[in-house]
């Protein structure tokens, strides 16, 4: 909409807004996020309603069909899993809820439910909007620019006004809503690691008034600016590292469930604590195998850096264990 504004300007604006909100406290962050989510849901509802009307009118050759969901002539499981390994980035965030366990009224129980409900809700919304969009534009090979395909579809369905409304919704969701919760989650991970003496103690400092890990929040803001500027022309590579890390951590998460409940707690609930984690591990493992070569290369380099850091801690005779009980 305003291509003349340099990327760094938007980065600084969004990061500044998110940093101030996050330092003010988790309740303030939650309220700000709630307002943005409501606005996004309203815009999504408008798009879906306008889209359905456009489909009913047969705009752009639209017709009701399940082909966007399943087309036997073009279906390929390996292609689907390859696409899932890319789409992972769009779903990251629900797991960040777990970092707020210490600031939640009902603790781990409500956190677990929130993760599941958020994932199911987001999944359903993704399917609905993508299905409607695909019906409005049946020939996916004819997009002028795939990066802005959704906005082209919005313009065909409702006109220029809907195109700009969806653009603004995307800008707010990525620039503020998504980044806001990501910064909150990461700053609390740094806080926990610093409190456990795995990172510099300064990151464990809490704001005297707002009771938030403000040093970690500011550090994340600074790193965000540096990384964005450094990877301005390599966003794909940056996404690859994120997807590798997310899928790898999810694999270990499933193993940790088995280790904690079956081995340590001697649980007899084999369906919940053994069979389901194994099924999850297999599915995510298959997606992980379908990551592109760049994701794996960069991911293993990042993993290597972590191993070197672990060795340094060992050589310095620092405690590298974690008390998870």
Protein backbone atom coordinates (compact mmCIF):
# COMPACT_ATOMS: atom_id res chain seq x y z
CA UNK A 1 0.00 0.00 0.00
CA UNK A 2 2.89 2.33 0.78
CA UNK A 3 5.93 0.73 -0.89
CA UNK A 4 7.96 3.90 -0.53
CA UNK A 5 8.31 3.43 3.24
CA UNK A 6 11.53 1.48 4.03
CA UNK A 7 11.18 -1.89 5.77
CA UNK A 8 13.22 -0.74 8.76
CA UNK A 9 10.67 2.01 9.51
CA UNK A 10 7.81 -0.48 9.84
CA UNK A 11 10.03 -2.85 11.84
CA UNK A 12 10.92 -0.13 14.34
CA UNK A 13 7.29 1.02 14.66
CA UNK A 14 5.88 -2.47 15.26
CA UNK A 15 8.67 -3.56 17.61
CA UNK A 16 8.39 -0.34 19.63
CA UNK A 17 4.62 -0.81 20.05
CA UNK A 18 4.99 -4.46 21.05
CA UNK A 19 7.84 -3.76 23.49
CA UNK A 20 5.89 -1.06 25.34
CA UNK A 21 2.80 -3.28 25.57
CA UNK A 22 4.76 -6.30 26.80
CA UNK A 23 6.67 -4.35 29.44
CA UNK A 24 3.39 -2.93 30.77
CA UNK A 25 2.33 -6.44 31.88
CA UNK A 26 0.69 -9.64 30.70
CA UNK A 27 -2.83 -8.36 31.45
CA UNK A 28 -2.21 -5.30 29.30
CA UNK A 29 -0.75 -7.57 26.60
CA UNK A 30 -3.79 -9.86 26.79
CA UNK A 31 -6.22 -6.94 26.46
CA UNK A 32 -4.37 -5.51 23.45
CA UNK A 33 -4.25 -8.93 21.80
CA UNK A 34 -7.94 -9.54 22.49
CA UNK A 35 -8.92 -6.31 20.73
CA UNK A 36 -6.80 -7.19 17.68
CA UNK A 37 -8.17 -10.76 17.55
CA UNK A 38 -11.76 -9.48 17.63
CA UNK A 39 -11.02 -7.08 14.77
CA UNK A 40 -9.36 -9.89 12.78
CA UNK A 41 -12.32 -12.21 13.32
CA UNK A 42 -14.73 -9.50 12.16
CA UNK A 43 -12.68 -8.96 8.99
CA UNK A 44 -12.43 -12.72 8.42
CA UNK A 45 -16.21 -13.04 8.79
CA UNK A 46 -16.70 -10.22 6.27
CA UNK A 47 -14.37 -11.95 3.79
CA UNK A 48 -16.11 -15.31 4.19
CA UNK A 49 -19.61 -13.82 3.81
CA UNK A 50 -18.62 -11.71 0.79
CA UNK A 51 -16.77 -14.73 -0.61
CA UNK A 52 -19.78 -17.02 -0.28
CA UNK A 53 -21.95 -14.45 -2.05
CA UNK A 54 -19.36 -14.24 -4.85
CA UNK A 55 -19.30 -18.04 -5.16
CA UNK A 56 -23.11 -18.15 -5.30
CA UNK A 57 -22.99 -15.62 -8.17
CA UNK A 58 -20.32 -17.64 -9.99
CA UNK A 59 -17.81 -14.77 -9.93
CA UNK A 60 -14.57 -15.62 -11.78
CA UNK A 61 -15.93 -19.08 -12.61
CA UNK A 62 -16.45 -19.98 -8.96
CA UNK A 63 -18.46 -23.08 -8.06
CA UNK A 64 -18.89 -25.19 -4.95
CA UNK A 65 -16.53 -28.18 -5.01
CA UNK A 66 -14.27 -30.12 -2.65
CA UNK A 67 -11.34 -29.94 -5.10
CA UNK A 68 -9.44 -27.35 -3.02
CA UNK A 69 -9.55 -29.86 -0.14
CA UNK A 70 -9.03 -33.06 -2.11
CA UNK A 71 -8.41 -33.58 -5.82
CA UNK A 72 -7.65 -37.22 -6.58
CA UNK A 73 -5.94 -36.43 -9.89
CA UNK A 74 -3.39 -34.12 -8.24
CA UNK A 75 -3.11 -35.60 -4.74
CA UNK A 76 0.35 -36.50 -3.43
CA UNK A 77 1.03 -37.27 0.24
CA UNK A 78 4.69 -36.25 -0.02
CA UNK A 79 3.63 -32.92 -1.56
CA UNK A 80 1.09 -32.38 1.21
CA UNK A 81 3.69 -33.08 3.90
CA UNK A 82 6.18 -30.84 2.14
CA UNK A 83 3.56 -28.09 2.19
CA UNK A 84 2.84 -28.79 5.87
CA UNK A 85 6.53 -28.31 6.68
CA UNK A 86 6.21 -24.81 5.18
CA UNK A 87 2.80 -24.07 6.71
CA UNK A 88 4.15 -24.87 10.18
CA UNK A 89 5.24 -21.23 10.43
CA UNK A 90 1.63 -20.10 10.14
CA UNK A 91 0.56 -22.23 13.10
CA UNK A 92 3.43 -21.46 15.46
CA UNK A 93 2.20 -19.47 18.41
CA UNK A 94 -0.27 -21.83 20.04
CA UNK A 95 2.67 -23.52 21.77
CA UNK A 96 3.81 -20.15 23.11
CA UNK A 97 0.83 -20.25 25.47
CA UNK A 98 2.78 -22.72 27.60
CA UNK A 99 5.33 -20.04 28.53
CA UNK A 100 2.62 -18.17 30.49
CA UNK A 101 1.98 -20.99 32.98
CA UNK A 102 3.31 -18.92 35.89
CA UNK A 103 1.05 -15.99 35.03
CA UNK A 104 -2.18 -17.96 34.53
CA UNK A 105 -4.89 -18.27 37.17
CA UNK A 106 -5.48 -22.02 36.86
CA UNK A 107 -1.92 -22.95 35.94
CA UNK A 108 -1.08 -25.92 33.74
CA UNK A 109 -4.65 -27.22 33.38
CA UNK A 110 -5.96 -24.10 31.68
CA UNK A 111 -2.72 -23.79 29.68
CA UNK A 112 -3.15 -27.29 28.22
CA UNK A 113 -6.77 -26.64 27.28
CA UNK A 114 -5.89 -23.26 25.77
CA UNK A 115 -3.23 -24.86 23.52
CA UNK A 116 -5.66 -27.47 22.20
CA UNK A 117 -8.59 -25.06 21.72
CA UNK A 118 -6.37 -22.47 20.02
CA UNK A 119 -4.94 -25.06 17.62
CA UNK A 120 -8.35 -26.47 16.69
CA UNK A 121 -9.87 -23.00 16.24
CA UNK A 122 -7.00 -21.68 14.12
CA UNK A 123 -7.01 -24.87 12.04
CA UNK A 124 -10.74 -24.55 11.32
CA UNK A 125 -10.42 -20.86 10.40
CA UNK A 126 -7.48 -21.56 8.08
CA UNK A 127 -9.43 -24.28 6.26
CA UNK A 128 -12.59 -22.18 5.87
CA UNK A 129 -10.92 -19.04 4.50
CA UNK A 130 -8.57 -20.98 2.21
CA UNK A 131 -11.41 -23.10 0.84
CA UNK A 132 -13.54 -20.02 0.10
CA UNK A 133 -10.57 -18.25 -1.52
CA UNK A 134 -9.69 -21.29 -3.65
CA UNK A 135 -13.29 -21.56 -4.90
CA UNK A 136 -13.28 -17.91 -5.96
CA UNK A 137 -10.02 -18.37 -7.90
CA UNK A 138 -10.07 -21.95 -9.30
CA UNK A 139 -6.94 -21.62 -11.47
CA UNK A 140 -4.10 -21.24 -8.96
CA UNK A 141 -1.55 -21.09 -11.78
CA UNK A 142 -2.86 -17.74 -13.04
CA UNK A 143 -1.88 -15.49 -10.13
CA UNK A 144 0.18 -12.45 -11.17
CA UNK A 145 2.13 -12.68 -7.91
CA UNK A 146 1.56 -15.64 -5.52
CA UNK A 147 2.84 -13.54 -2.58
CA UNK A 148 -0.25 -11.34 -2.76
CA UNK A 149 -2.68 -13.93 -4.13
CA UNK A 150 -5.11 -13.64 -1.23
CA UNK A 151 -5.52 -9.91 -1.80
CA UNK A 152 -6.22 -10.47 -5.50
CA UNK A 153 -8.94 -12.91 -4.51
CA UNK A 154 -10.39 -10.44 -1.99
CA UNK A 155 -10.53 -7.78 -4.72
CA UNK A 156 -12.34 -10.13 -7.11
CA UNK A 157 -14.82 -11.14 -4.40
CA UNK A 158 -15.67 -7.76 -2.92
CA UNK A 159 -13.78 -5.01 -4.72
CA UNK A 160 -10.88 -2.74 -3.84
CA UNK A 161 -12.20 -1.96 -0.35
CA UNK A 162 -12.05 -5.63 0.69
CA UNK A 163 -8.55 -5.93 -0.75
CA UNK A 164 -7.24 -3.10 1.42
CA UNK A 165 -9.15 -4.27 4.51
CA UNK A 166 -7.51 -7.72 4.27
CA UNK A 167 -4.09 -6.12 3.71
CA UNK A 168 -4.49 -4.04 6.87
CA UNK A 169 -5.69 -7.09 8.79
CA UNK A 170 -2.58 -8.99 7.74
CA UNK A 171 -0.30 -6.10 8.69
CA UNK A 172 -1.85 -5.84 12.15
CA UNK A 173 -1.89 -9.60 12.74
CA UNK A 174 1.76 -10.09 11.74
CA UNK A 175 3.18 -6.77 12.84
CA UNK A 176 1.47 -6.56 16.21
CA UNK A 177 -0.67 -9.56 17.26
CA UNK A 178 1.71 -12.37 16.26
CA UNK A 179 4.86 -10.49 17.15
CA UNK A 180 3.36 -9.35 20.45
CA UNK A 181 2.77 -12.87 21.77
CA UNK A 182 6.05 -14.14 20.27
CA UNK A 183 8.01 -11.46 22.11
CA UNK A 184 6.12 -12.21 25.33
CA UNK A 185 6.81 -15.94 25.03
CA UNK A 186 10.49 -15.65 24.12
CA UNK A 187 11.23 -13.10 26.84
CA UNK A 188 9.78 -15.52 29.39
CA UNK A 189 11.87 -18.39 28.04
CA UNK A 190 14.97 -16.21 28.46
CA UNK A 191 13.77 -15.29 31.95
CA UNK A 192 13.33 -18.96 32.94
CA UNK A 193 16.71 -19.98 31.51
CA UNK A 194 18.44 -17.07 33.25
CA UNK A 195 16.69 -17.91 36.53
CA UNK A 196 18.01 -21.47 36.15
CA UNK A 197 21.48 -19.98 35.53
CA UNK A 198 21.67 -21.16 31.91
CA UNK A 199 21.85 -17.59 30.60
CA UNK A 200 23.18 -14.30 32.06
CA UNK A 201 21.39 -13.37 35.30
CA UNK A 202 20.47 -9.92 33.99
CA UNK A 203 17.80 -11.57 31.79
CA UNK A 204 16.02 -12.76 34.94
CA UNK A 205 15.38 -9.19 36.14
CA UNK A 206 11.74 -8.29 36.70
CA UNK A 207 10.33 -4.77 36.33
CA UNK A 208 9.70 -3.32 39.83
CA UNK A 209 6.30 -1.90 38.87
CA UNK A 210 4.89 -4.12 36.11
CA UNK A 211 6.44 -7.43 37.27
CA UNK A 212 7.49 -8.39 33.72
CA UNK A 213 10.87 -9.67 32.44
CA UNK A 214 11.62 -6.29 30.91
CA UNK A 215 15.33 -6.84 30.22
CA UNK A 216 14.55 -9.98 28.21
CA UNK A 217 11.77 -8.11 26.38
CA UNK A 218 14.14 -5.28 25.41
CA UNK A 219 16.84 -7.77 24.33
CA UNK A 220 14.32 -9.55 22.08
CA UNK A 221 13.32 -6.18 20.58
CA UNK A 222 16.94 -5.35 19.74
CA UNK A 223 17.63 -8.81 18.32
CA UNK A 224 14.43 -8.61 16.25
CA UNK A 225 15.62 -5.41 14.59
CA UNK A 226 19.07 -6.86 13.89
CA UNK A 227 17.74 -10.16 12.51
CA UNK A 228 15.11 -8.49 10.32
CA UNK A 229 17.63 -6.11 8.78
CA UNK A 230 20.21 -8.88 8.31
CA UNK A 231 17.69 -11.27 6.71
CA UNK A 232 15.70 -8.65 4.78
CA UNK A 233 16.38 -10.43 1.49
CA UNK A 234 16.49 -13.94 3.01
CA UNK A 235 13.19 -14.27 4.83
CA UNK A 236 12.77 -17.75 3.34
CA UNK A 237 16.02 -18.92 4.91
CA UNK A 238 15.00 -17.44 8.26
CA UNK A 239 11.65 -19.24 8.06
CA UNK A 240 13.47 -22.48 7.30
CA UNK A 241 15.41 -22.29 10.56
CA UNK A 242 12.22 -21.55 12.50
CA UNK A 243 10.38 -24.51 10.94
CA UNK A 244 13.30 -26.88 11.59
CA UNK A 245 13.46 -25.77 15.22
CA UNK A 246 9.71 -26.01 15.74
CA UNK A 247 9.32 -29.47 14.24
CA UNK A 248 12.42 -30.77 16.03
CA UNK A 249 11.21 -29.45 19.39
CA UNK A 250 7.77 -31.00 18.80
CA UNK A 251 9.45 -34.37 18.16
CA UNK A 252 11.33 -34.15 21.46
CA UNK A 253 8.15 -32.96 23.18
CA UNK A 254 6.38 -36.23 22.28
CA UNK A 255 9.34 -38.24 23.55
CA UNK A 256 9.36 -36.24 26.78
CA UNK A 257 5.71 -37.16 27.44
CA UNK A 258 6.60 -40.85 27.21
CA UNK A 259 9.70 -40.38 29.35
CA UNK A 260 7.96 -38.36 32.05
CA UNK A 261 4.72 -40.30 32.42
CA UNK A 262 5.65 -43.87 31.46
CA UNK A 263 9.23 -44.05 32.77
CA UNK A 264 9.24 -41.59 35.68
CA UNK A 265 5.63 -41.63 36.88
CA UNK A 266 4.97 -45.30 35.96
CA UNK A 267 1.66 -44.30 34.34
CA UNK A 268 -0.64 -47.12 33.21
CA UNK A 269 -2.63 -44.87 30.87
CA UNK A 270 -0.91 -46.25 27.78
CA UNK A 271 -3.34 -44.69 25.31
CA UNK A 272 -2.76 -41.11 26.48
CA UNK A 273 0.88 -41.36 27.53
CA UNK A 274 2.32 -43.86 25.02
CA UNK A 275 0.18 -44.58 21.95
CA UNK A 276 -0.90 -40.99 21.21
CA UNK A 277 2.63 -39.54 21.66
CA UNK A 278 4.00 -42.27 19.34
CA UNK A 279 1.37 -41.43 16.69
CA UNK A 280 2.20 -37.73 17.02
CA UNK A 281 5.91 -38.46 16.77
CA UNK A 282 5.43 -40.49 13.57
CA UNK A 283 3.29 -37.79 11.90
CA UNK A 284 5.61 -34.93 12.82
CA UNK A 285 8.63 -37.08 11.93
CA UNK A 286 7.21 -37.61 8.45
CA UNK A 287 6.70 -33.87 8.05
CA UNK A 288 10.24 -33.25 9.36
CA UNK A 289 11.67 -35.63 6.72
CA UNK A 290 9.91 -33.58 4.03
CA UNK A 291 11.58 -30.32 5.08
CA UNK A 292 13.52 -28.77 2.21
CA UNK A 293 17.31 -29.19 2.10
CA UNK A 294 17.95 -25.56 3.15
CA UNK A 295 15.84 -26.00 6.31
CA UNK A 296 17.88 -29.01 7.36
CA UNK A 297 21.24 -27.42 6.53
CA UNK A 298 20.55 -24.23 8.47
CA UNK A 299 18.81 -26.16 11.23
CA UNK A 300 21.73 -28.49 11.85
CA UNK A 301 24.12 -25.52 11.82
CA UNK A 302 21.99 -23.86 14.51
CA UNK A 303 21.87 -27.15 16.43
CA UNK A 304 25.66 -27.34 16.17
CA UNK A 305 25.97 -23.89 17.72
CA UNK A 306 23.81 -25.08 20.61
CA UNK A 307 25.99 -28.15 21.14
CA UNK A 308 29.11 -25.96 21.18
CA UNK A 309 27.46 -23.72 23.79
CA UNK A 310 26.64 -26.82 25.89
CA UNK A 311 30.27 -27.97 25.68
CA UNK A 312 31.45 -24.50 26.78
CA UNK A 313 29.14 -24.66 29.81
CA UNK A 314 30.49 -28.12 30.63
CA UNK A 315 34.09 -26.94 30.36
CA UNK A 316 33.29 -24.02 32.65
CA UNK A 317 31.85 -26.61 35.06
CA UNK A 318 28.44 -24.95 35.10
CA UNK A 319 25.29 -26.91 35.90
CA UNK A 320 23.57 -27.91 32.65
CA UNK A 321 20.79 -29.95 34.19
CA UNK A 322 17.14 -28.90 34.39
CA UNK A 323 14.85 -29.50 37.35
CA UNK A 324 11.51 -30.19 35.70
CA UNK A 325 9.73 -31.73 38.69
